[in-house]
């Protein structure tokens, strides 16, 4: 059986929006130096991942079979996390880990039977 390929035309717009917003937030927090004054968490990596947030989200969408609404809820989770944990801002060292965690929790809530 041939693997079903999801082309760029099939990629939900929420993926592009979410990637754009998260990349801007991470870059802003990196430039403001907020990562040097923050607490270190288990979500922080030692180095910045080489994969972009856009590519990472597309990969999650392609292989995790989450619905587009799952990504919207994941974004809401990330927004709430940012508001409740101001000492742990989203930056380039933790955005990928926070993203996969929020998508996983969202998928459990939205897509599991």
Protein backbone atom coordinates (compact mmCIF):
# COMPACT_ATOMS: atom_id res chain seq x y z
CA UNK A 1 0.00 0.00 0.00
CA UNK A 2 1.42 3.40 -0.96
CA UNK A 3 2.04 5.91 1.80
CA UNK A 4 -0.32 8.86 1.69
CA UNK A 5 1.68 12.06 1.17
CA UNK A 6 0.29 15.32 2.57
CA UNK A 7 1.25 18.08 0.18
CA UNK A 8 1.69 21.75 1.04
CA UNK A 9 -1.82 22.42 -0.29
CA UNK A 10 -3.26 20.00 2.28
CA UNK A 11 -1.37 21.58 5.19
CA UNK A 12 -3.86 23.43 7.40
CA UNK A 13 -3.41 27.18 7.67
CA UNK A 14 -3.29 26.86 11.45
CA UNK A 15 0.15 25.20 11.09
CA UNK A 16 1.60 28.23 9.28
CA UNK A 17 -0.03 30.64 11.72
CA UNK A 18 1.13 28.75 14.79
CA UNK A 19 4.69 28.40 13.47
CA UNK A 20 4.87 32.10 12.65
CA UNK A 21 3.67 33.18 16.08
CA UNK A 22 5.88 30.76 18.00
CA UNK A 23 8.98 31.64 15.98
CA UNK A 24 8.40 35.35 16.65
CA UNK A 25 7.83 34.76 20.37
CA UNK A 26 10.98 32.63 20.69
CA UNK A 27 13.10 35.12 18.72
CA UNK A 28 11.78 38.06 20.75
CA UNK A 29 12.51 36.31 24.04
CA UNK A 30 15.99 35.33 22.77
CA UNK A 31 16.78 38.91 21.72
CA UNK A 32 15.50 40.36 24.98
CA UNK A 33 17.83 38.05 26.86
CA UNK A 34 14.98 36.57 28.85
CA UNK A 35 16.51 33.10 28.61
CA UNK A 36 19.55 34.16 30.63
CA UNK A 37 17.39 35.38 33.55
CA UNK A 38 14.90 32.54 33.48
CA UNK A 39 14.79 29.38 35.51
CA UNK A 40 16.09 26.31 33.72
CA UNK A 41 13.36 23.74 33.19
CA UNK A 42 13.21 20.19 31.93
CA UNK A 43 11.94 21.61 28.64
CA UNK A 44 15.18 23.50 27.93
CA UNK A 45 17.66 21.92 25.59
CA UNK A 46 21.39 22.49 25.72
CA UNK A 47 21.42 23.71 22.12
CA UNK A 48 18.91 25.12 19.68
CA UNK A 49 17.32 22.42 17.48
CA UNK A 50 18.31 22.61 13.83
CA UNK A 51 14.77 22.02 12.58
CA UNK A 52 12.56 25.11 12.23
CA UNK A 53 9.30 25.39 14.14
CA UNK A 54 7.45 25.37 10.79
CA UNK A 55 9.10 22.13 9.67
CA UNK A 56 8.59 20.60 13.10
CA UNK A 57 4.86 21.38 13.10
CA UNK A 58 4.49 20.05 9.55
CA UNK A 59 6.25 16.86 10.59
CA UNK A 60 4.01 16.45 13.63
CA UNK A 61 0.93 17.00 11.45
CA UNK A 62 2.16 14.51 8.85
CA UNK A 63 3.05 11.67 11.22
CA UNK A 64 0.82 12.16 14.29
CA UNK A 65 -2.47 12.35 12.40
CA UNK A 66 -3.79 15.08 14.69
CA UNK A 67 -6.76 17.11 13.57
CA UNK A 68 -6.29 20.83 12.84
CA UNK A 69 -8.40 21.61 15.90
CA UNK A 70 -5.84 19.74 17.98
CA UNK A 71 -3.22 22.33 16.98
CA UNK A 72 -5.52 25.19 17.93
CA UNK A 73 -6.01 23.71 21.40
CA UNK A 74 -2.25 23.09 21.65
CA UNK A 75 -1.65 26.78 20.93
CA UNK A 76 -4.14 27.73 23.66
CA UNK A 77 -2.27 25.46 26.08
CA UNK A 78 1.02 27.16 25.18
CA UNK A 79 -0.53 30.60 25.63
CA UNK A 80 -1.90 29.65 29.05
CA UNK A 81 1.45 28.17 30.04
CA UNK A 82 3.19 31.43 29.10
CA UNK A 83 0.75 33.46 31.15
CA UNK A 84 0.95 31.20 34.20
CA UNK A 85 4.74 30.73 34.09
CA UNK A 86 6.27 34.13 33.25
CA UNK A 87 9.68 33.01 34.55
CA UNK A 88 9.74 30.23 31.93
CA UNK A 89 9.28 32.10 28.65
CA UNK A 90 9.09 30.29 25.34
CA UNK A 91 12.47 30.59 23.61
CA UNK A 92 14.51 28.81 20.96
CA UNK A 93 15.86 26.32 23.52
CA UNK A 94 12.45 25.05 24.65
CA UNK A 95 9.88 25.86 21.95
CA UNK A 96 10.10 22.44 20.27
CA UNK A 97 9.71 20.50 23.51
CA UNK A 98 6.86 22.67 24.74
CA UNK A 99 5.22 22.33 21.34
CA UNK A 100 5.30 18.54 21.19
CA UNK A 101 4.06 18.36 24.79
CA UNK A 102 1.13 20.67 24.12
CA UNK A 103 0.21 18.80 20.93
CA UNK A 104 0.35 15.47 22.78
CA UNK A 105 -1.91 16.71 25.58
CA UNK A 106 -4.24 18.31 23.04
CA UNK A 107 -4.42 15.13 20.97
CA UNK A 108 -5.31 13.14 24.07
CA UNK A 109 -8.11 15.58 24.85
CA UNK A 110 -9.38 16.19 21.32
CA UNK A 111 -8.65 13.13 19.18
CA UNK A 112 -8.57 10.06 21.45
CA UNK A 113 -11.68 7.92 21.53
